[in-house]
Amino acid sequence: MNLSKEDRKLIFDSIRDIPDFPKEGIVFKDITTLLNNKEAYKTLMDHLEERYKSYNLDYVAGIDSRGFIFGAALADRLNIGFVPVRKKGKLPSTTVCEKYELEYGFDEVEIHLDAFPIENARVLLIDDLIATGGTANAATKLIQHVKANLVEVCFLLNLTFLEGAKKVEEHAPVYSVLEV
């Protein structure tokens, strides 16, 4: 299902720009205004459900923290499990970690070692936005490390000028609802 021009506009217009956040020169894409717009959020989730219902997925994995919002809702709609990819130190059981570079240092994400109990589980990874691709790239490596089959990586927004999706495409196909 392709989004109509009107539906794309509805979703895009529901995302608020916050200039100079978290620091000067950055325009933050605030999805809270999408989430509290029931028409825009439903349009987005209907689109994602329609797109992925035929993918024969076993799990949706969401990246900490905004990927949880879309991932858990989509997993529920598809009647499959949800798996969180968390910042280091947030998961209680045995985990595997992946380090990634930030412009000001390093960070890590982790996943439970037993996150996908189905052998060769078919997984969709989702997050709200792809910028430089560090976090998403690390998350793709984690999913592959625990022997799951990463079918696709989905983002609500792709900031194309930062070319982060290119890093992720080395591991799996990428789908972006909107490109900026």
N, C-alpha and C. Protein backbone atom coordinates (compact mmCIF):
# COMPACT_ATOMS: atom_id res chain seq x y z
N MET A 1 0.84 -1.18 0.00
CA MET A 1 0.00 0.00 0.00
C MET A 1 0.89 1.24 0.00
N ASN A 2 0.74 2.05 -0.99
CA ASN A 2 1.45 3.32 -1.03
C ASN A 2 0.62 4.39 -0.35
N LEU A 3 1.30 5.28 0.32
CA LEU A 3 0.60 6.40 0.94
C LEU A 3 0.22 7.41 -0.14
N SER A 4 -0.98 7.94 -0.04
CA SER A 4 -1.37 8.99 -0.96
C SER A 4 -0.60 10.27 -0.61
N LYS A 5 -0.59 11.19 -1.54
CA LYS A 5 0.05 12.48 -1.31
C LYS A 5 -0.57 13.17 -0.09
N GLU A 6 -1.88 13.06 0.05
CA GLU A 6 -2.59 13.68 1.17
C GLU A 6 -2.20 13.04 2.50
N ASP A 7 -2.08 11.68 2.50
CA ASP A 7 -1.69 11.00 3.73
C ASP A 7 -0.25 11.34 4.13
N ARG A 8 0.64 11.41 3.17
CA ARG A 8 2.03 11.81 3.45
C ARG A 8 2.06 13.21 4.07
N LYS A 9 1.28 14.11 3.49
CA LYS A 9 1.23 15.48 3.98
C LYS A 9 0.67 15.51 5.41
N LEU A 10 -0.39 14.74 5.65
CA LEU A 10 -0.98 14.67 6.99
C LEU A 10 0.07 14.23 8.01
N ILE A 11 0.79 13.17 7.71
CA ILE A 11 1.80 12.66 8.63
C ILE A 11 2.94 13.67 8.79
N PHE A 12 3.45 14.15 7.67
CA PHE A 12 4.57 15.09 7.71
C PHE A 12 4.21 16.37 8.48
N ASP A 13 3.04 16.91 8.20
CA ASP A 13 2.63 18.15 8.85
C ASP A 13 2.35 17.98 10.34
N SER A 14 2.17 16.74 10.78
CA SER A 14 1.91 16.50 12.20
C SER A 14 3.20 16.41 13.02
N ILE A 15 4.35 16.43 12.35
CA ILE A 15 5.65 16.37 13.03
C ILE A 15 6.17 17.80 13.19
N ARG A 16 6.45 18.17 14.43
CA ARG A 16 6.86 19.53 14.74
C ARG A 16 8.38 19.66 14.68
N ASP A 17 8.86 20.76 14.11
CA ASP A 17 10.28 21.09 14.12
C ASP A 17 10.60 21.95 15.34
N ILE A 18 11.66 21.57 16.05
CA ILE A 18 12.13 22.34 17.20
C ILE A 18 13.55 22.83 16.86
N PRO A 19 13.69 24.10 16.50
CA PRO A 19 15.02 24.63 16.15
C PRO A 19 15.97 24.65 17.35
N ASP A 20 17.23 24.40 17.06
CA ASP A 20 18.31 24.49 18.06
C ASP A 20 18.12 23.56 19.25
N PHE A 21 17.59 22.37 19.00
CA PHE A 21 17.45 21.36 20.05
C PHE A 21 18.03 20.05 19.52
N PRO A 22 18.85 19.35 20.23
CA PRO A 22 19.31 19.60 21.60
C PRO A 22 20.46 20.61 21.67
N LYS A 23 20.95 21.05 20.51
CA LYS A 23 21.98 22.10 20.54
C LYS A 23 21.81 22.99 19.32
N GLU A 24 22.46 24.11 19.36
CA GLU A 24 22.34 25.10 18.29
C GLU A 24 22.70 24.50 16.93
N GLY A 25 21.86 24.84 15.93
CA GLY A 25 22.11 24.39 14.57
C GLY A 25 21.36 23.12 14.18
N ILE A 26 20.80 22.42 15.16
CA ILE A 26 20.04 21.19 14.89
C ILE A 26 18.56 21.51 14.91
N VAL A 27 17.83 20.96 13.93
CA VAL A 27 16.37 21.07 13.91
C VAL A 27 15.83 19.70 14.30
N PHE A 28 15.31 19.60 15.52
CA PHE A 28 14.81 18.35 16.07
C PHE A 28 13.43 18.06 15.50
N LYS A 29 13.22 16.83 15.04
CA LYS A 29 11.91 16.39 14.54
C LYS A 29 11.15 15.77 15.71
N ASP A 30 10.17 16.49 16.20
CA ASP A 30 9.40 16.10 17.39
C ASP A 30 8.17 15.31 16.97
N ILE A 31 8.16 14.01 17.30
CA ILE A 31 7.03 13.16 16.91
C ILE A 31 5.90 13.17 17.93
N THR A 32 6.06 13.86 19.06
CA THR A 32 4.98 13.87 20.05
C THR A 32 3.70 14.47 19.46
N THR A 33 3.87 15.40 18.53
CA THR A 33 2.70 16.01 17.90
C THR A 33 2.05 15.07 16.89
N LEU A 34 2.81 14.12 16.36
CA LEU A 34 2.23 13.05 15.53
C LEU A 34 1.45 12.10 16.42
N LEU A 35 2.03 11.74 17.54
CA LEU A 35 1.39 10.78 18.44
C LEU A 35 0.08 11.29 19.01
N ASN A 36 -0.03 12.60 19.25
CA ASN A 36 -1.28 13.10 19.83
C ASN A 36 -2.28 13.54 18.76
N ASN A 37 -1.94 13.31 17.49
CA ASN A 37 -2.86 13.57 16.38
C ASN A 37 -3.43 12.22 15.95
N LYS A 38 -4.62 11.90 16.45
CA LYS A 38 -5.15 10.55 16.24
C LYS A 38 -5.32 10.20 14.77
N GLU A 39 -5.65 11.15 13.93
CA GLU A 39 -5.82 10.87 12.50
C GLU A 39 -4.46 10.56 11.85
N ALA A 40 -3.45 11.35 12.14
CA ALA A 40 -2.12 11.14 11.55
C ALA A 40 -1.51 9.83 12.05
N TYR A 41 -1.61 9.57 13.36
CA TYR A 41 -1.04 8.34 13.92
C TYR A 41 -1.74 7.11 13.36
N LYS A 42 -3.05 7.14 13.26
CA LYS A 42 -3.79 6.01 12.71
C LYS A 42 -3.44 5.81 11.24
N THR A 43 -3.31 6.88 10.48
CA THR A 43 -2.93 6.77 9.07
C THR A 43 -1.57 6.11 8.93
N LEU A 44 -0.62 6.53 9.76
CA LEU A 44 0.71 5.93 9.74
C LEU A 44 0.66 4.45 10.10
N MET A 45 -0.02 4.12 11.19
CA MET A 45 -0.05 2.73 11.64
C MET A 45 -0.83 1.84 10.67
N ASP A 46 -1.90 2.36 10.07
CA ASP A 46 -2.62 1.60 9.04
C ASP A 46 -1.69 1.29 7.87
N HIS A 47 -0.90 2.28 7.47
CA HIS A 47 0.05 2.10 6.37
C HIS A 47 1.09 1.03 6.71
N LEU A 48 1.66 1.10 7.91
CA LEU A 48 2.68 0.12 8.30
C LEU A 48 2.09 -1.28 8.41
N GLU A 49 0.90 -1.38 8.97
CA GLU A 49 0.24 -2.69 9.06
C GLU A 49 0.01 -3.27 7.67
N GLU A 50 -0.50 -2.47 6.77
CA GLU A 50 -0.76 -2.93 5.40
C GLU A 50 0.55 -3.36 4.72
N ARG A 51 1.60 -2.58 4.90
CA ARG A 51 2.88 -2.90 4.27
C ARG A 51 3.44 -4.23 4.77
N TYR A 52 3.38 -4.45 6.07
CA TYR A 52 4.10 -5.58 6.66
C TYR A 52 3.25 -6.82 6.92
N LYS A 53 1.95 -6.78 6.69
CA LYS A 53 1.12 -7.94 7.02
C LYS A 53 1.45 -9.17 6.18
N SER A 54 2.02 -8.97 5.00
CA SER A 54 2.35 -10.11 4.13
C SER A 54 3.82 -10.52 4.23
N TYR A 55 4.59 -9.93 5.12
CA TYR A 55 6.02 -10.23 5.24
C TYR A 55 6.30 -11.50 6.05
N ASN A 56 5.28 -12.09 6.63
CA ASN A 56 5.44 -13.30 7.43
C ASN A 56 6.48 -13.10 8.54
N LEU A 57 6.35 -12.01 9.27
CA LEU A 57 7.28 -11.66 10.34
C LEU A 57 6.97 -12.45 11.61
N ASP A 58 8.01 -12.68 12.40
CA ASP A 58 7.85 -13.29 13.72
C ASP A 58 7.92 -12.25 14.83
N TYR A 59 8.71 -11.18 14.59
CA TYR A 59 8.91 -10.14 15.61
C TYR A 59 9.11 -8.79 14.95
N VAL A 60 8.75 -7.77 15.72
CA VAL A 60 9.17 -6.40 15.43
C VAL A 60 10.11 -6.02 16.55
N ALA A 61 11.29 -5.50 16.18
CA ALA A 61 12.25 -4.98 17.16
C ALA A 61 12.24 -3.47 17.06
N GLY A 62 12.18 -2.80 18.19
CA GLY A 62 12.15 -1.34 18.21
C GLY A 62 13.36 -0.79 18.93
N ILE A 63 13.91 0.30 18.38
CA ILE A 63 15.10 0.92 18.96
C ILE A 63 14.70 1.92 20.03
N ASP A 64 15.39 1.87 21.16
CA ASP A 64 15.20 2.73 22.32
C ASP A 64 15.24 4.20 21.91
N SER A 65 14.30 4.97 22.18
CA SER A 65 13.05 4.67 22.85
C SER A 65 11.84 4.91 21.94
N ARG A 66 11.99 5.78 20.96
CA ARG A 66 10.82 6.09 20.12
C ARG A 66 10.44 4.93 19.21
N GLY A 67 11.39 4.06 18.90
CA GLY A 67 11.05 2.87 18.12
C GLY A 67 10.12 1.93 18.88
N PHE A 68 10.11 2.05 20.22
CA PHE A 68 9.19 1.24 21.03
C PHE A 68 7.75 1.61 20.73
N ILE A 69 7.50 2.89 20.53
CA ILE A 69 6.13 3.38 20.34
C ILE A 69 5.53 2.78 19.07
N PHE A 70 6.27 2.88 17.97
CA PHE A 70 5.75 2.38 16.70
C PHE A 70 5.87 0.86 16.63
N GLY A 71 6.96 0.33 17.15
CA GLY A 71 7.20 -1.11 17.08
C GLY A 71 6.21 -1.95 17.86
N ALA A 72 5.94 -1.54 19.09
CA ALA A 72 5.00 -2.31 19.92
C ALA A 72 3.59 -2.24 19.34
N ALA A 73 3.19 -1.07 18.87
CA ALA A 73 1.86 -0.94 18.27
C ALA A 73 1.75 -1.78 16.99
N LEU A 74 2.79 -1.77 16.18
CA LEU A 74 2.76 -2.55 14.94
C LEU A 74 2.78 -4.05 15.25
N ALA A 75 3.59 -4.47 16.21
CA ALA A 75 3.62 -5.88 16.58
C ALA A 75 2.23 -6.35 17.03
N ASP A 76 1.56 -5.52 17.82
CA ASP A 76 0.20 -5.85 18.26
C ASP A 76 -0.74 -6.00 17.07
N ARG A 77 -0.67 -5.08 16.14
CA ARG A 77 -1.54 -5.14 14.95
C ARG A 77 -1.24 -6.37 14.10
N LEU A 78 0.03 -6.80 14.07
CA LEU A 78 0.41 -7.97 13.27
C LEU A 78 0.29 -9.27 14.05
N ASN A 79 -0.07 -9.17 15.33
CA ASN A 79 -0.23 -10.33 16.21
C ASN A 79 1.08 -11.13 16.32
N ILE A 80 2.18 -10.40 16.53
CA ILE A 80 3.50 -11.02 16.70
C ILE A 80 4.18 -10.39 17.91
N GLY A 81 5.35 -10.91 18.26
CA GLY A 81 6.08 -10.41 19.42
C GLY A 81 6.84 -9.12 19.14
N PHE A 82 7.14 -8.42 20.23
CA PHE A 82 7.94 -7.20 20.17
C PHE A 82 9.21 -7.40 20.99
N VAL A 83 10.34 -6.92 20.46
CA VAL A 83 11.63 -7.03 21.14
C VAL A 83 12.26 -5.65 21.23
N PRO A 84 12.61 -5.20 22.44
CA PRO A 84 13.28 -3.90 22.58
C PRO A 84 14.79 -4.00 22.35
N VAL A 85 15.32 -3.05 21.62
CA VAL A 85 16.76 -2.84 21.52
C VAL A 85 17.04 -1.64 22.40
N ARG A 86 17.76 -1.86 23.52
CA ARG A 86 17.88 -0.83 24.55
C ARG A 86 19.27 -0.23 24.62
N LYS A 87 19.35 0.93 25.25
CA LYS A 87 20.64 1.50 25.60
C LYS A 87 21.28 0.59 26.65
N LYS A 88 22.60 0.55 26.68
CA LYS A 88 23.33 -0.35 27.56
C LYS A 88 22.92 -0.17 29.02
N GLY A 89 22.76 -1.31 29.70
CA GLY A 89 22.45 -1.31 31.12
C GLY A 89 20.98 -1.30 31.46
N LYS A 90 20.10 -1.40 30.47
CA LYS A 90 18.66 -1.30 30.74
C LYS A 90 17.93 -2.65 30.71
N LEU A 91 18.59 -3.70 30.23
CA LEU A 91 17.95 -5.01 30.14
C LEU A 91 18.42 -5.91 31.27
N PRO A 92 17.50 -6.68 31.89
CA PRO A 92 17.83 -7.41 33.11
C PRO A 92 18.49 -8.78 32.93
N SER A 93 18.42 -9.37 31.76
CA SER A 93 18.96 -10.72 31.58
C SER A 93 20.26 -10.65 30.77
N THR A 94 20.75 -11.79 30.34
CA THR A 94 22.00 -11.85 29.58
C THR A 94 21.82 -11.16 28.23
N THR A 95 22.75 -10.26 27.92
CA THR A 95 22.63 -9.46 26.70
C THR A 95 23.90 -9.54 25.86
N VAL A 96 23.76 -9.08 24.62
CA VAL A 96 24.91 -8.80 23.76
C VAL A 96 24.84 -7.32 23.44
N CYS A 97 26.01 -6.70 23.32
CA CYS A 97 26.09 -5.25 23.11
C CYS A 97 26.80 -4.94 21.81
N GLU A 98 26.49 -3.78 21.29
CA GLU A 98 27.17 -3.27 20.10
C GLU A 98 27.46 -1.80 20.34
N LYS A 99 28.72 -1.42 20.17
CA LYS A 99 29.15 -0.03 20.35
C LYS A 99 28.99 0.70 19.03
N TYR A 100 28.65 1.98 19.10
CA TYR A 100 28.58 2.82 17.90
C TYR A 100 29.10 4.20 18.23
N GLU A 101 29.53 4.89 17.18
CA GLU A 101 30.15 6.20 17.34
C GLU A 101 29.11 7.31 17.27
N LEU A 102 29.28 8.27 18.15
CA LEU A 102 28.52 9.50 18.14
C LEU A 102 29.47 10.63 17.75
N GLU A 103 28.93 11.78 17.43
CA GLU A 103 29.82 12.89 17.07
C GLU A 103 30.66 13.35 18.25
N TYR A 104 30.26 12.99 19.46
CA TYR A 104 30.96 13.42 20.67
C TYR A 104 31.46 12.25 21.51
N GLY A 105 31.54 11.04 20.93
CA GLY A 105 32.02 9.88 21.69
C GLY A 105 31.40 8.59 21.19
N PHE A 106 31.13 7.69 22.13
CA PHE A 106 30.57 6.38 21.80
C PHE A 106 29.38 6.09 22.69
N ASP A 107 28.52 5.20 22.23
CA ASP A 107 27.42 4.70 23.04
C ASP A 107 27.25 3.24 22.68
N GLU A 108 26.36 2.55 23.39
CA GLU A 108 26.13 1.14 23.12
C GLU A 108 24.64 0.83 23.20
N VAL A 109 24.22 -0.12 22.39
CA VAL A 109 22.88 -0.68 22.49
C VAL A 109 23.03 -2.17 22.74
N GLU A 110 21.97 -2.75 23.30
CA GLU A 110 22.02 -4.17 23.62
C GLU A 110 20.67 -4.83 23.40
N ILE A 111 20.73 -6.14 23.33
CA ILE A 111 19.53 -6.96 23.15
C ILE A 111 19.72 -8.22 23.99
N HIS A 112 18.63 -8.78 24.46
CA HIS A 112 18.74 -10.05 25.19
C HIS A 112 19.27 -11.13 24.25
N LEU A 113 20.13 -11.94 24.76
CA LEU A 113 20.71 -13.04 23.99
C LEU A 113 19.61 -13.98 23.48
N ASP A 114 18.56 -14.14 24.26
CA ASP A 114 17.46 -15.03 23.89
C ASP A 114 16.23 -14.26 23.40
N ALA A 115 16.44 -13.09 22.80
CA ALA A 115 15.33 -12.22 22.39
C ALA A 115 14.41 -12.87 21.37
N PHE A 116 14.95 -13.72 20.52
CA PHE A 116 14.17 -14.34 19.44
C PHE A 116 14.19 -15.85 19.61
N PRO A 117 13.27 -16.40 20.39
CA PRO A 117 13.30 -17.84 20.66
C PRO A 117 12.95 -18.71 19.45
N ILE A 118 12.41 -18.14 18.41
CA ILE A 118 12.12 -18.89 17.19
C ILE A 118 13.40 -18.93 16.35
N GLU A 119 13.80 -20.14 15.94
CA GLU A 119 15.01 -20.27 15.12
C GLU A 119 14.84 -19.53 13.79
N ASN A 120 15.85 -18.77 13.39
CA ASN A 120 15.83 -17.96 12.16
C ASN A 120 14.61 -17.03 12.10
N ALA A 121 14.28 -16.46 13.24
CA ALA A 121 13.12 -15.57 13.33
C ALA A 121 13.21 -14.46 12.28
N ARG A 122 12.08 -14.16 11.68
CA ARG A 122 11.98 -13.08 10.69
C ARG A 122 11.63 -11.79 11.45
N VAL A 123 12.53 -10.80 11.37
CA VAL A 123 12.44 -9.61 12.21
C VAL A 123 12.40 -8.35 11.36
N LEU A 124 11.53 -7.44 11.76
CA LEU A 124 11.51 -6.07 11.24
C LEU A 124 12.06 -5.19 12.34
N LEU A 125 13.04 -4.35 12.02
CA LEU A 125 13.57 -3.37 12.95
C LEU A 125 12.95 -2.02 12.62
N ILE A 126 12.51 -1.28 13.65
CA ILE A 126 11.84 -0.01 13.40
C ILE A 126 12.33 1.07 14.37
N ASP A 127 12.39 2.29 13.85
CA ASP A 127 12.69 3.46 14.66
C ASP A 127 12.01 4.67 14.04
N ASP A 128 11.98 5.77 14.78
CA ASP A 128 11.29 6.95 14.27
C ASP A 128 12.07 7.67 13.18
N LEU A 129 13.41 7.68 13.30
CA LEU A 129 14.18 8.54 12.41
C LEU A 129 15.56 7.95 12.18
N ILE A 130 16.07 8.08 10.95
CA ILE A 130 17.46 7.73 10.65
C ILE A 130 18.19 9.01 10.28
N ALA A 131 19.28 9.27 11.00
CA ALA A 131 20.11 10.44 10.71
C ALA A 131 21.46 9.94 10.21
N THR A 132 22.44 9.83 11.10
CA THR A 132 23.76 9.35 10.67
C THR A 132 23.84 7.83 10.62
N GLY A 133 22.89 7.15 11.25
CA GLY A 133 22.78 5.69 11.14
C GLY A 133 23.53 4.90 12.18
N GLY A 134 24.19 5.54 13.12
CA GLY A 134 24.98 4.82 14.11
C GLY A 134 24.18 3.84 14.95
N THR A 135 23.11 4.30 15.54
CA THR A 135 22.30 3.45 16.41
C THR A 135 21.64 2.33 15.61
N ALA A 136 21.05 2.67 14.48
CA ALA A 136 20.36 1.66 13.66
C ALA A 136 21.34 0.63 13.13
N ASN A 137 22.51 1.06 12.72
CA ASN A 137 23.51 0.13 12.22
C ASN A 137 23.93 -0.84 13.33
N ALA A 138 24.13 -0.33 14.54
CA ALA A 138 24.47 -1.19 15.67
C ALA A 138 23.34 -2.18 15.96
N ALA A 139 22.11 -1.72 15.89
CA ALA A 139 20.96 -2.59 16.16
C ALA A 139 20.86 -3.71 15.12
N THR A 140 21.14 -3.40 13.86
CA THR A 140 21.10 -4.45 12.82
C THR A 140 22.14 -5.52 13.12
N LYS A 141 23.32 -5.10 13.55
CA LYS A 141 24.38 -6.05 13.88
C LYS A 141 23.98 -6.95 15.05
N LEU A 142 23.31 -6.36 16.05
CA LEU A 142 22.85 -7.14 17.20
C LEU A 142 21.86 -8.22 16.77
N ILE A 143 20.90 -7.84 15.96
CA ILE A 143 19.88 -8.79 15.51
C ILE A 143 20.53 -9.94 14.74
N GLN A 144 21.47 -9.61 13.90
CA GLN A 144 22.17 -10.65 13.15
C GLN A 144 23.05 -11.50 14.07
N HIS A 145 23.64 -10.88 15.09
CA HIS A 145 24.50 -11.60 16.04
C HIS A 145 23.73 -12.69 16.78
N VAL A 146 22.48 -12.43 17.10
CA VAL A 146 21.69 -13.43 17.82
C VAL A 146 20.97 -14.38 16.85
N LYS A 147 21.41 -14.38 15.60
CA LYS A 147 20.99 -15.35 14.58
C LYS A 147 19.55 -15.19 14.12
N ALA A 148 19.04 -13.98 14.15
CA ALA A 148 17.71 -13.72 13.59
C ALA A 148 17.88 -13.25 12.15
N ASN A 149 16.81 -13.35 11.39
CA ASN A 149 16.80 -12.95 9.99
C ASN A 149 16.19 -11.56 9.89
N LEU A 150 17.03 -10.56 9.69
CA LEU A 150 16.57 -9.18 9.60
C LEU A 150 16.00 -8.95 8.20
N VAL A 151 14.68 -8.85 8.13
CA VAL A 151 13.97 -8.76 6.86
C VAL A 151 14.03 -7.34 6.28
N GLU A 152 13.84 -6.34 7.15
CA GLU A 152 13.84 -4.95 6.69
C GLU A 152 14.02 -4.04 7.91
N VAL A 153 14.49 -2.82 7.63
CA VAL A 153 14.59 -1.79 8.66
C VAL A 153 13.70 -0.64 8.21
N CYS A 154 12.82 -0.21 9.10
CA CYS A 154 11.82 0.81 8.77
C CYS A 154 12.01 2.05 9.63
N PHE A 155 11.92 3.20 8.97
CA PHE A 155 11.99 4.48 9.66
C PHE A 155 10.81 5.34 9.25
N LEU A 156 10.28 6.09 10.18
CA LEU A 156 9.25 7.06 9.85
C LEU A 156 9.86 8.17 8.99
N LEU A 157 11.04 8.67 9.40
CA LEU A 157 11.71 9.75 8.68
C LEU A 157 13.14 9.38 8.35
N ASN A 158 13.55 9.67 7.12
CA ASN A 158 14.94 9.50 6.70
C ASN A 158 15.49 10.89 6.38
N LEU A 159 16.48 11.33 7.16
CA LEU A 159 17.16 12.59 6.87
C LEU A 159 18.22 12.28 5.82
N THR A 160 17.81 12.33 4.56
CA THR A 160 18.64 11.82 3.46
C THR A 160 19.99 12.52 3.35
N PHE A 161 20.09 13.78 3.69
CA PHE A 161 21.34 14.53 3.55
C PHE A 161 22.44 14.01 4.48
N LEU A 162 22.08 13.24 5.51
CA LEU A 162 23.07 12.67 6.42
C LEU A 162 23.52 11.27 5.99
N GLU A 163 22.82 10.68 5.05
CA GLU A 163 23.18 9.41 4.42
C GLU A 163 23.32 8.23 5.38
N GLY A 164 22.63 8.26 6.50
CA GLY A 164 22.69 7.16 7.45
C GLY A 164 22.08 5.87 6.93
N ALA A 165 21.06 5.99 6.08
CA ALA A 165 20.41 4.78 5.55
C ALA A 165 21.38 3.93 4.74
N LYS A 166 22.37 4.56 4.12
CA LYS A 166 23.35 3.80 3.33
C LYS A 166 24.12 2.81 4.18
N LYS A 167 24.46 3.18 5.42
CA LYS A 167 25.15 2.26 6.34
C LYS A 167 24.27 1.05 6.66
N VAL A 168 23.01 1.33 6.91
CA VAL A 168 22.08 0.28 7.31
C VAL A 168 21.79 -0.65 6.14
N GLU A 169 21.73 -0.11 4.93
CA GLU A 169 21.45 -0.92 3.74
C GLU A 169 22.52 -1.97 3.47
N GLU A 170 23.67 -1.86 4.11
CA GLU A 170 24.70 -2.90 4.00
C GLU A 170 24.27 -4.17 4.71
N HIS A 171 23.28 -4.07 5.61
CA HIS A 171 22.83 -5.21 6.41
C HIS A 171 21.43 -5.69 6.05
N ALA A 172 20.59 -4.79 5.56
CA ALA A 172 19.20 -5.15 5.26
C ALA A 172 18.57 -4.04 4.42
N PRO A 173 17.49 -4.37 3.72
CA PRO A 173 16.76 -3.32 3.00
C PRO A 173 16.19 -2.30 3.97
N VAL A 174 16.10 -1.06 3.50
CA VAL A 174 15.58 0.04 4.32
C VAL A 174 14.33 0.61 3.66
N TYR A 175 13.30 0.84 4.48
CA TYR A 175 12.09 1.51 4.02
C TYR A 175 11.86 2.74 4.90
N SER A 176 11.65 3.87 4.26
CA SER A 176 11.33 5.11 4.99
C SER A 176 9.95 5.59 4.54
N VAL A 177 9.09 5.88 5.50
CA VAL A 177 7.76 6.39 5.19
C VAL A 177 7.89 7.77 4.55
N LEU A 178 8.75 8.61 5.15
CA LEU A 178 8.97 9.97 4.65
C LEU A 178 10.46 10.23 4.52
N GLU A 179 10.83 11.03 3.52
CA GLU A 179 12.23 11.42 3.36
C GLU A 179 12.31 12.95 3.41
N VAL A 180 13.29 13.44 4.15
CA VAL A 180 13.47 14.88 4.32
C VAL A 180 14.87 15.22 3.86
